[in-house]
Amino acid sequence: MSIESQNDLRGMQHVGRAVARILQEMEAAVRPGMSTAELDGIGAAAMKRLGVRSAPQQTYGFPGFTCISLNDEIVHGVPGPRRLRDGDVVKIDVTVEAAGYVADAARTVIVGPASSLALRLRATAVAALRAALGAARAGEPVSAIGRTVDARARQDGFAVVRELCGHGVGRAIHEEPQVPNYENLFQRDVLSRGLVIAVEPMLTARPARAVEAADGWTIRTHNGALAVHEEHTIVIGESAPLILTAA
């Protein structure tokens, strides 16, 4: 969607703030020994309190309120009885809806003491997202975002997930345009003022394909490579974008 009115802006700001708050509360709750279902319950309680709903549940019948992916899982991990352990790399992905507006964001949290590889990979994803937001301006090609993410990943010796991408968002979870994390020379879309998109670097410690797990939801690396995920929903402007899901 594109922001066409003050009502649109207020609606997107409301769901964006909710996503940011839910992510904060879930990250603060992460500890060794808790199950991913318990962590999802933190998100569910926050959604209820804030008056928003889980968009993946509504749209796709996802069996959880939030997506929680561990280690080599990239995205769409299903909350359940698995218990977090020291060193786990946890991707928390929150997408909510209220009054017909949808916002989406994710962050990577490391449980307890972390390996140097996990710390470096997460730091690269954070830096890649920051750089990508700097490239996201009206009049620039959408592919400028992916070129920036891929360049940062390669600079640090890591790889982007090519099968998954960011996307338009706002009235639904997944809208046009697609926002790959690499430069797609065949993509001709141009960023326009007011466009709402989710920018989401998904990086792996070594090149890997994204494959679907047996549960039919979780997407993981085919070779067990560690994965991280950082994401914000933004509104494109003439200069710096408005980050709707910033804390």
C-alpha atoms as a PDB file:
ATOM      1  CA  MET A   1       0.000   0.000   0.000  1.00  0.00           C
ATOM      2  CA  SER A   2       0.902   3.653  -0.148  1.00  0.00           C
ATOM      3  CA  ILE A   3       0.030   6.237   2.477  1.00  0.00           C
ATOM      4  CA  GLU A   4      -2.774   8.300   0.967  1.00  0.00           C
ATOM      5  CA  SER A   5      -4.253  10.036   4.005  1.00  0.00           C
ATOM      6  CA  GLN A   6      -3.628  10.978   7.616  1.00  0.00           C
ATOM      7  CA  ASN A   7      -5.862   8.071   8.587  1.00  0.00           C
ATOM      8  CA  ASP A   8      -3.545   5.715   6.702  1.00  0.00           C
ATOM      9  CA  LEU A   9      -0.530   7.169   8.478  1.00  0.00           C
ATOM     10  CA  ARG A  10      -2.137   6.976  11.913  1.00  0.00           C
ATOM     11  CA  GLY A  11      -3.298   3.406  11.280  1.00  0.00           C
ATOM     12  CA  MET A  12       0.173   2.282  10.200  1.00  0.00           C
ATOM     13  CA  GLN A  13       1.846   4.094  13.074  1.00  0.00           C
ATOM     14  CA  HIS A  14      -0.483   2.347  15.518  1.00  0.00           C
ATOM     15  CA  VAL A  15       0.308  -1.170  14.304  1.00  0.00           C
ATOM     16  CA  GLY A  16       3.982  -0.303  13.894  1.00  0.00           C
ATOM     17  CA  ARG A  17       4.256   0.828  17.513  1.00  0.00           C
ATOM     18  CA  ALA A  18       2.466  -2.336  18.606  1.00  0.00           C
ATOM     19  CA  VAL A  19       4.922  -4.549  16.727  1.00  0.00           C
ATOM     20  CA  ALA A  20       7.865  -2.702  18.281  1.00  0.00           C
ATOM     21  CA  ARG A  21       6.427  -3.073  21.789  1.00  0.00           C
ATOM     22  CA  ILE A  22       5.668  -6.785  21.352  1.00  0.00           C
ATOM     23  CA  LEU A  23       9.184  -7.453  20.073  1.00  0.00           C
ATOM     24  CA  GLN A  24      10.657  -5.572  23.034  1.00  0.00           C
ATOM     25  CA  GLU A  25       8.644  -7.605  25.531  1.00  0.00           C
ATOM     26  CA  MET A  26       9.443 -10.909  23.861  1.00  0.00           C
ATOM     27  CA  GLU A  27      13.157 -10.158  23.633  1.00  0.00           C
ATOM     28  CA  ALA A  28      13.247  -9.159  27.311  1.00  0.00           C
ATOM     29  CA  ALA A  29      11.581 -12.475  28.232  1.00  0.00           C
ATOM     30  CA  VAL A  30      14.052 -14.738  26.408  1.00  0.00           C
ATOM     31  CA  ARG A  31      15.908 -17.021  28.817  1.00  0.00           C
ATOM     32  CA  PRO A  32      17.373 -20.537  28.838  1.00  0.00           C
ATOM     33  CA  GLY A  33      14.838 -23.209  29.694  1.00  0.00           C
ATOM     34  CA  MET A  34      11.705 -21.481  28.434  1.00  0.00           C
ATOM     35  CA  SER A  35       9.822 -23.100  25.566  1.00  0.00           C
ATOM     36  CA  THR A  36       9.130 -21.350  22.300  1.00  0.00           C
ATOM     37  CA  ALA A  37       5.417 -21.743  23.105  1.00  0.00           C
ATOM     38  CA  GLU A  38       5.958 -19.812  26.343  1.00  0.00           C
ATOM     39  CA  LEU A  39       7.757 -17.084  24.425  1.00  0.00           C
ATOM     40  CA  ASP A  40       4.896 -16.977  21.915  1.00  0.00           C
ATOM     41  CA  GLY A  41       2.523 -16.609  24.865  1.00  0.00           C
ATOM     42  CA  ILE A  42       4.329 -13.411  25.858  1.00  0.00           C
ATOM     43  CA  GLY A  43       3.607 -12.076  22.384  1.00  0.00           C
ATOM     44  CA  ALA A  44      -0.011 -13.221  22.483  1.00  0.00           C
ATOM     45  CA  ALA A  45      -0.629 -11.485  25.809  1.00  0.00           C
ATOM     46  CA  ALA A  46       0.917  -8.262  24.505  1.00  0.00           C
ATOM     47  CA  MET A  47      -1.239  -8.394  21.367  1.00  0.00           C
ATOM     48  CA  LYS A  48      -4.387  -8.753  23.455  1.00  0.00           C
ATOM     49  CA  ARG A  49      -3.393  -5.886  25.743  1.00  0.00           C
ATOM     50  CA  LEU A  50      -2.548  -3.608  22.793  1.00  0.00           C
ATOM     51  CA  GLY A  51      -5.705  -4.417  20.866  1.00  0.00           C
ATOM     52  CA  VAL A  52      -4.045  -5.974  17.804  1.00  0.00           C
ATOM     53  CA  ARG A  53      -4.285  -9.408  16.189  1.00  0.00           C
ATOM     54  CA  SER A  54      -1.804 -11.881  14.747  1.00  0.00           C
ATOM     55  CA  ALA A  55      -1.865 -11.340  10.992  1.00  0.00           C
ATOM     56  CA  PRO A  56      -0.315 -14.756  10.145  1.00  0.00           C
ATOM     57  CA  GLN A  57      -3.046 -16.465  12.174  1.00  0.00           C
ATOM     58  CA  GLN A  58      -5.773 -14.484  10.461  1.00  0.00           C
ATOM     59  CA  THR A  59      -4.417 -14.739   6.935  1.00  0.00           C
ATOM     60  CA  TYR A  60      -2.790 -18.162   6.774  1.00  0.00           C
ATOM     61  CA  GLY A  61      -4.040 -20.050   9.816  1.00  0.00           C
ATOM     62  CA  PHE A  62      -0.528 -20.085  11.265  1.00  0.00           C
ATOM     63  CA  PRO A  63      -0.382 -22.280  14.413  1.00  0.00           C
ATOM     64  CA  GLY A  64       1.017 -19.584  16.681  1.00  0.00           C
ATOM     65  CA  PHE A  65       0.755 -15.858  17.352  1.00  0.00           C
ATOM     66  CA  THR A  66       4.344 -15.114  16.319  1.00  0.00           C
ATOM     67  CA  CYS A  67       7.007 -16.894  14.292  1.00  0.00           C
ATOM     68  CA  ILE A  68       9.954 -18.153  16.358  1.00  0.00           C
ATOM     69  CA  SER A  69      12.837 -19.745  14.421  1.00  0.00           C
ATOM     70  CA  LEU A  70      15.963 -21.281  15.969  1.00  0.00           C
ATOM     71  CA  ASN A  71      19.525 -21.588  14.690  1.00  0.00           C
ATOM     72  CA  ASP A  72      19.430 -22.948  11.103  1.00  0.00           C
ATOM     73  CA  GLU A  73      15.728 -22.056  10.807  1.00  0.00           C
ATOM     74  CA  ILE A  74      15.398 -18.844   8.817  1.00  0.00           C
ATOM     75  CA  VAL A  75      11.725 -17.862   9.187  1.00  0.00           C
ATOM     76  CA  HIS A  76       8.208 -19.105   9.988  1.00  0.00           C
ATOM     77  CA  GLY A  77       9.233 -21.329  12.892  1.00  0.00           C
ATOM     78  CA  VAL A  78       6.224 -22.754  14.763  1.00  0.00           C
ATOM     79  CA  PRO A  79       6.138 -22.157  18.553  1.00  0.00           C
ATOM     80  CA  GLY A  80       5.998 -25.366  20.549  1.00  0.00           C
ATOM     81  CA  PRO A  81       7.612 -27.409  23.328  1.00  0.00           C
ATOM     82  CA  ARG A  82      11.254 -26.864  22.309  1.00  0.00           C
ATOM     83  CA  ARG A  83      13.204 -25.244  25.107  1.00  0.00           C
ATOM     84  CA  LEU A  84      15.760 -22.527  24.559  1.00  0.00           C
ATOM     85  CA  ARG A  85      19.381 -23.280  25.407  1.00  0.00           C
ATOM     86  CA  ASP A  86      22.464 -21.137  25.866  1.00  0.00           C
ATOM     87  CA  GLY A  87      23.860 -20.177  22.495  1.00  0.00           C
ATOM     88  CA  ASP A  88      20.580 -20.561  20.571  1.00  0.00           C
ATOM     89  CA  VAL A  89      20.049 -17.985  17.848  1.00  0.00           C
ATOM     90  CA  VAL A  90      16.362 -17.015  18.051  1.00  0.00           C
ATOM     91  CA  LYS A  91      14.557 -15.136  15.295  1.00  0.00           C
ATOM     92  CA  ILE A  92      11.370 -13.472  16.566  1.00  0.00           C
ATOM     93  CA  ASP A  93       9.040 -12.297  13.793  1.00  0.00           C
ATOM     94  CA  VAL A  94       5.922 -10.314  14.733  1.00  0.00           C
ATOM     95  CA  THR A  95       3.211  -9.263  12.272  1.00  0.00           C
ATOM     96  CA  VAL A  96       0.013  -7.668  13.560  1.00  0.00           C
ATOM     97  CA  GLU A  97      -3.210  -6.230  12.192  1.00  0.00           C
ATOM     98  CA  ALA A  98      -5.615  -3.628  13.554  1.00  0.00           C
ATOM     99  CA  ALA A  99      -8.392  -1.725  11.748  1.00  0.00           C
ATOM    100  CA  GLY A 100      -7.262  -3.137   8.413  1.00  0.00           C
ATOM    101  CA  TYR A 101      -3.603  -2.104   8.733  1.00  0.00           C
ATOM    102  CA  VAL A 102      -0.651  -4.526   8.976  1.00  0.00           C
ATOM    103  CA  ALA A 103       2.956  -4.033  10.129  1.00  0.00           C
ATOM    104  CA  ASP A 104       5.787  -6.563  10.270  1.00  0.00           C
ATOM    105  CA  ALA A 105       9.200  -6.668  11.964  1.00  0.00           C
ATOM    106  CA  ALA A 106      11.734  -9.172  13.219  1.00  0.00           C
ATOM    107  CA  ARG A 107      14.904  -9.320  15.244  1.00  0.00           C
ATOM    108  CA  THR A 108      17.510 -11.889  16.164  1.00  0.00           C
ATOM    109  CA  VAL A 109      18.136 -12.622  19.843  1.00  0.00           C
ATOM    110  CA  ILE A 110      20.937 -14.826  21.149  1.00  0.00           C
ATOM    111  CA  VAL A 111      20.300 -16.832  24.320  1.00  0.00           C
ATOM    112  CA  GLY A 112      22.989 -16.506  26.982  1.00  0.00           C
ATOM    113  CA  PRO A 113      26.650 -16.788  25.953  1.00  0.00           C
ATOM    114  CA  ALA A 114      27.006 -16.622  22.181  1.00  0.00           C
ATOM    115  CA  SER A 115      29.543 -17.904  19.702  1.00  0.00           C
ATOM    116  CA  SER A 116      31.648 -15.310  17.902  1.00  0.00           C
ATOM    117  CA  LEU A 117      30.112 -16.504  14.621  1.00  0.00           C
ATOM    118  CA  ALA A 118      26.575 -15.839  15.858  1.00  0.00           C
ATOM    119  CA  LEU A 119      27.525 -12.404  17.158  1.00  0.00           C
ATOM    120  CA  ARG A 120      29.246 -11.424  13.918  1.00  0.00           C
ATOM    121  CA  LEU A 121      26.404 -12.724  11.757  1.00  0.00           C
ATOM    122  CA  ARG A 122      23.780 -10.840  13.750  1.00  0.00           C
ATOM    123  CA  ALA A 123      25.865  -7.662  13.711  1.00  0.00           C
ATOM    124  CA  THR A 124      26.132  -7.904   9.933  1.00  0.00           C
ATOM    125  CA  ALA A 125      22.363  -8.303   9.574  1.00  0.00           C
ATOM    126  CA  VAL A 126      21.761  -5.252  11.769  1.00  0.00           C
ATOM    127  CA  ALA A 127      24.290  -3.235   9.768  1.00  0.00           C
ATOM    128  CA  ALA A 128      22.834  -4.463   6.466  1.00  0.00           C
ATOM    129  CA  LEU A 129      19.342  -3.383   7.516  1.00  0.00           C
ATOM    130  CA  ARG A 130      20.616   0.032   8.566  1.00  0.00           C
ATOM    131  CA  ALA A 131      22.423   0.469   5.251  1.00  0.00           C
ATOM    132  CA  ALA A 132      19.384  -0.733   3.293  1.00  0.00           C
ATOM    133  CA  LEU A 133      17.157   1.816   4.997  1.00  0.00           C
ATOM    134  CA  GLY A 134      19.628   4.487   3.950  1.00  0.00           C
ATOM    135  CA  ALA A 135      19.246   3.375   0.344  1.00  0.00           C
ATOM    136  CA  ALA A 136      15.431   3.315   0.485  1.00  0.00           C
ATOM    137  CA  ARG A 137      14.415   6.675  -0.989  1.00  0.00           C
ATOM    138  CA  ALA A 138      11.748   7.819  -3.422  1.00  0.00           C
ATOM    139  CA  GLY A 139      12.968   7.607  -7.006  1.00  0.00           C
ATOM    140  CA  GLU A 140      15.525   4.882  -6.322  1.00  0.00           C
ATOM    141  CA  PRO A 141      15.052   1.398  -7.777  1.00  0.00           C
ATOM    142  CA  VAL A 142      13.824  -1.273  -5.374  1.00  0.00           C
ATOM    143  CA  SER A 143      16.914  -3.250  -6.370  1.00  0.00           C
ATOM    144  CA  ALA A 144      19.103  -0.658  -4.605  1.00  0.00           C
ATOM    145  CA  ILE A 145      17.954  -2.151  -1.306  1.00  0.00           C
ATOM    146  CA  GLY A 146      19.056  -5.664  -2.231  1.00  0.00           C
ATOM    147  CA  ARG A 147      22.332  -4.444  -3.693  1.00  0.00           C
ATOM    148  CA  THR A 148      23.129  -2.760  -0.385  1.00  0.00           C
ATOM    149  CA  VAL A 149      22.217  -5.795   1.744  1.00  0.00           C
ATOM    150  CA  ASP A 150      24.167  -8.213  -0.433  1.00  0.00           C
ATOM    151  CA  ALA A 151      27.230  -5.970  -0.492  1.00  0.00           C
ATOM    152  CA  ARG A 152      27.346  -5.784   3.301  1.00  0.00           C
ATOM    153  CA  ALA A 153      26.855  -9.535   3.691  1.00  0.00           C
ATOM    154  CA  ARG A 154      29.637 -10.322   1.211  1.00  0.00           C
ATOM    155  CA  GLN A 155      31.953  -7.765   2.806  1.00  0.00           C
ATOM    156  CA  ASP A 156      31.693  -9.644   6.094  1.00  0.00           C
ATOM    157  CA  GLY A 157      32.009 -13.106   4.547  1.00  0.00           C
ATOM    158  CA  PHE A 158      28.338 -14.100   4.794  1.00  0.00           C
ATOM    159  CA  ALA A 159      25.523 -14.824   2.305  1.00  0.00           C
ATOM    160  CA  VAL A 160      21.960 -13.648   1.697  1.00  0.00           C
ATOM    161  CA  VAL A 161      19.003 -16.007   1.396  1.00  0.00           C
ATOM    162  CA  ARG A 162      17.974 -15.636  -2.238  1.00  0.00           C
ATOM    163  CA  GLU A 163      14.709 -17.598  -2.108  1.00  0.00           C
ATOM    164  CA  LEU A 164      13.106 -15.264   0.468  1.00  0.00           C
ATOM    165  CA  CYS A 165      12.625 -11.512   0.315  1.00  0.00           C
ATOM    166  CA  GLY A 166      11.053  -8.408   1.778  1.00  0.00           C
ATOM    167  CA  HIS A 167       7.753  -7.162   0.418  1.00  0.00           C
ATOM    168  CA  GLY A 168       5.101  -4.524   0.286  1.00  0.00           C
ATOM    169  CA  VAL A 169       2.862  -4.484   3.351  1.00  0.00           C
ATOM    170  CA  GLY A 170       0.090  -2.402   4.864  1.00  0.00           C
ATOM    171  CA  ARG A 171      -3.305  -3.764   3.903  1.00  0.00           C
ATOM    172  CA  ALA A 172      -2.114  -7.371   3.775  1.00  0.00           C
ATOM    173  CA  ILE A 173       0.965  -9.207   4.992  1.00  0.00           C
ATOM    174  CA  HIS A 174       2.445  -9.714   1.544  1.00  0.00           C
ATOM    175  CA  GLU A 175       1.923  -7.114  -1.172  1.00  0.00           C
ATOM    176  CA  GLU A 176       3.880  -5.909  -4.167  1.00  0.00           C
ATOM    177  CA  PRO A 177       6.642  -5.075  -4.718  1.00  0.00           C
ATOM    178  CA  GLN A 178       8.966  -7.886  -3.756  1.00  0.00           C
ATOM    179  CA  VAL A 179      12.146  -6.595  -2.074  1.00  0.00           C
ATOM    180  CA  PRO A 180      14.969  -9.138  -2.619  1.00  0.00           C
ATOM    181  CA  ASN A 181      18.158  -9.062  -0.548  1.00  0.00           C
ATOM    182  CA  TYR A 182      20.306  -9.052  -3.677  1.00  0.00           C
ATOM    183  CA  GLU A 183      20.306  -6.967  -6.830  1.00  0.00           C
ATOM    184  CA  ASN A 184      17.782  -8.418  -9.252  1.00  0.00           C
ATOM    185  CA  LEU A 185      18.596  -6.808 -12.595  1.00  0.00           C
ATOM    186  CA  PHE A 186      15.217  -7.854 -14.011  1.00  0.00           C
ATOM    187  CA  GLN A 187      13.247  -5.971 -11.362  1.00  0.00           C
ATOM    188  CA  ARG A 188      12.104  -2.594 -12.688  1.00  0.00           C
ATOM    189  CA  ASP A 189      10.089  -1.364  -9.686  1.00  0.00           C
ATOM    190  CA  VAL A 190      10.919   2.101  -8.386  1.00  0.00           C
ATOM    191  CA  LEU A 191      10.371   3.281  -4.816  1.00  0.00           C
ATOM    192  CA  SER A 192       7.670   5.943  -4.590  1.00  0.00           C
ATOM    193  CA  ARG A 193       6.846   8.438  -1.859  1.00  0.00           C
ATOM    194  CA  GLY A 194       4.437   6.939   0.668  1.00  0.00           C
ATOM    195  CA  LEU A 195       5.045   3.318  -0.341  1.00  0.00           C
ATOM    196  CA  VAL A 196       4.996   0.939   2.654  1.00  0.00           C
ATOM    197  CA  ILE A 197       7.445  -1.951   2.517  1.00  0.00           C
ATOM    198  CA  ALA A 198       9.073  -4.482   4.841  1.00  0.00           C
ATOM    199  CA  VAL A 199      12.857  -4.571   4.459  1.00  0.00           C
ATOM    200  CA  GLU A 200      14.254  -7.783   5.934  1.00  0.00           C
ATOM    201  CA  PRO A 201      17.838  -8.982   5.524  1.00  0.00           C
ATOM    202  CA  MET A 202      17.999 -12.756   6.005  1.00  0.00           C
ATOM    203  CA  LEU A 203      21.615 -13.875   6.133  1.00  0.00           C
ATOM    204  CA  THR A 204      23.405 -17.193   6.551  1.00  0.00           C
ATOM    205  CA  ALA A 205      26.863 -18.018   7.823  1.00  0.00           C
ATOM    206  CA  ARG A 206      27.638 -19.761   4.528  1.00  0.00           C
ATOM    207  CA  PRO A 207      25.766 -20.061   1.227  1.00  0.00           C
ATOM    208  CA  ALA A 208      22.591 -22.096   1.656  1.00  0.00           C
ATOM    209  CA  ARG A 209      19.273 -22.790   0.002  1.00  0.00           C
ATOM    210  CA  ALA A 210      16.005 -22.206   1.841  1.00  0.00           C
ATOM    211  CA  VAL A 211      13.950 -25.396   2.224  1.00  0.00           C
ATOM    212  CA  GLU A 212      10.639 -26.181   3.903  1.00  0.00           C
ATOM    213  CA  ALA A 213      10.717 -28.355   7.011  1.00  0.00           C
ATOM    214  CA  ALA A 214       8.428 -31.326   7.601  1.00  0.00           C
ATOM    215  CA  ASP A 215       5.939 -29.219   9.594  1.00  0.00           C
ATOM    216  CA  GLY A 216       4.927 -27.414   6.405  1.00  0.00           C
ATOM    217  CA  TRP A 217       5.690 -23.971   7.859  1.00  0.00           C
ATOM    218  CA  THR A 218       9.292 -23.605   8.991  1.00  0.00           C
ATOM    219  CA  ILE A 219      11.863 -22.521   6.404  1.00  0.00           C
ATOM    220  CA  ARG A 220      15.444 -23.555   7.195  1.00  0.00           C
ATOM    221  CA  THR A 221      18.831 -23.792   5.495  1.00  0.00           C
ATOM    222  CA  HIS A 222      19.394 -26.974   3.496  1.00  0.00           C
ATOM    223  CA  ASN A 223      22.867 -27.511   4.946  1.00  0.00           C
ATOM    224  CA  GLY A 224      22.399 -26.529   8.596  1.00  0.00           C
ATOM    225  CA  ALA A 225      23.999 -23.107   8.138  1.00  0.00           C
ATOM    226  CA  LEU A 226      23.247 -20.643  10.921  1.00  0.00           C
ATOM    227  CA  ALA A 227      20.704 -17.980   9.909  1.00  0.00           C
ATOM    228  CA  VAL A 228      19.700 -14.540  11.197  1.00  0.00           C
ATOM    229  CA  HIS A 229      16.834 -12.163  10.372  1.00  0.00           C
ATOM    230  CA  GLU A 230      16.316  -8.451  10.962  1.00  0.00           C
ATOM    231  CA  GLU A 231      13.290  -6.509   9.678  1.00  0.00           C
ATOM    232  CA  HIS A 232      11.444  -3.182   9.798  1.00  0.00           C
ATOM    233  CA  THR A 233       8.312  -1.851   8.155  1.00  0.00           C
ATOM    234  CA  ILE A 234       8.979   1.567   6.638  1.00  0.00           C
ATOM    235  CA  VAL A 235       7.300   4.343   4.673  1.00  0.00           C
ATOM    236  CA  ILE A 236       9.336   5.641   1.740  1.00  0.00           C
ATOM    237  CA  GLY A 237      10.081   9.360   1.734  1.00  0.00           C
ATOM    238  CA  GLU A 238      12.105  11.821  -0.307  1.00  0.00           C
ATOM    239  CA  SER A 239      15.020  11.361   2.074  1.00  0.00           C
ATOM    240  CA  ALA A 240      15.215   8.970   5.051  1.00  0.00           C
ATOM    241  CA  PRO A 241      12.233   6.615   5.372  1.00  0.00           C
ATOM    242  CA  LEU A 242       9.852   6.643   8.309  1.00  0.00           C
ATOM    243  CA  ILE A 243      10.547   3.497  10.344  1.00  0.00           C
ATOM    244  CA  LEU A 244       7.155   2.443  11.662  1.00  0.00           C
ATOM    245  CA  THR A 245       8.409  -0.482  13.764  1.00  0.00           C
ATOM    246  CA  ALA A 246      11.316   1.265  15.501  1.00  0.00           C
ATOM    247  CA  ALA A 247      11.326   0.952  19.271  1.00  0.00           C
END
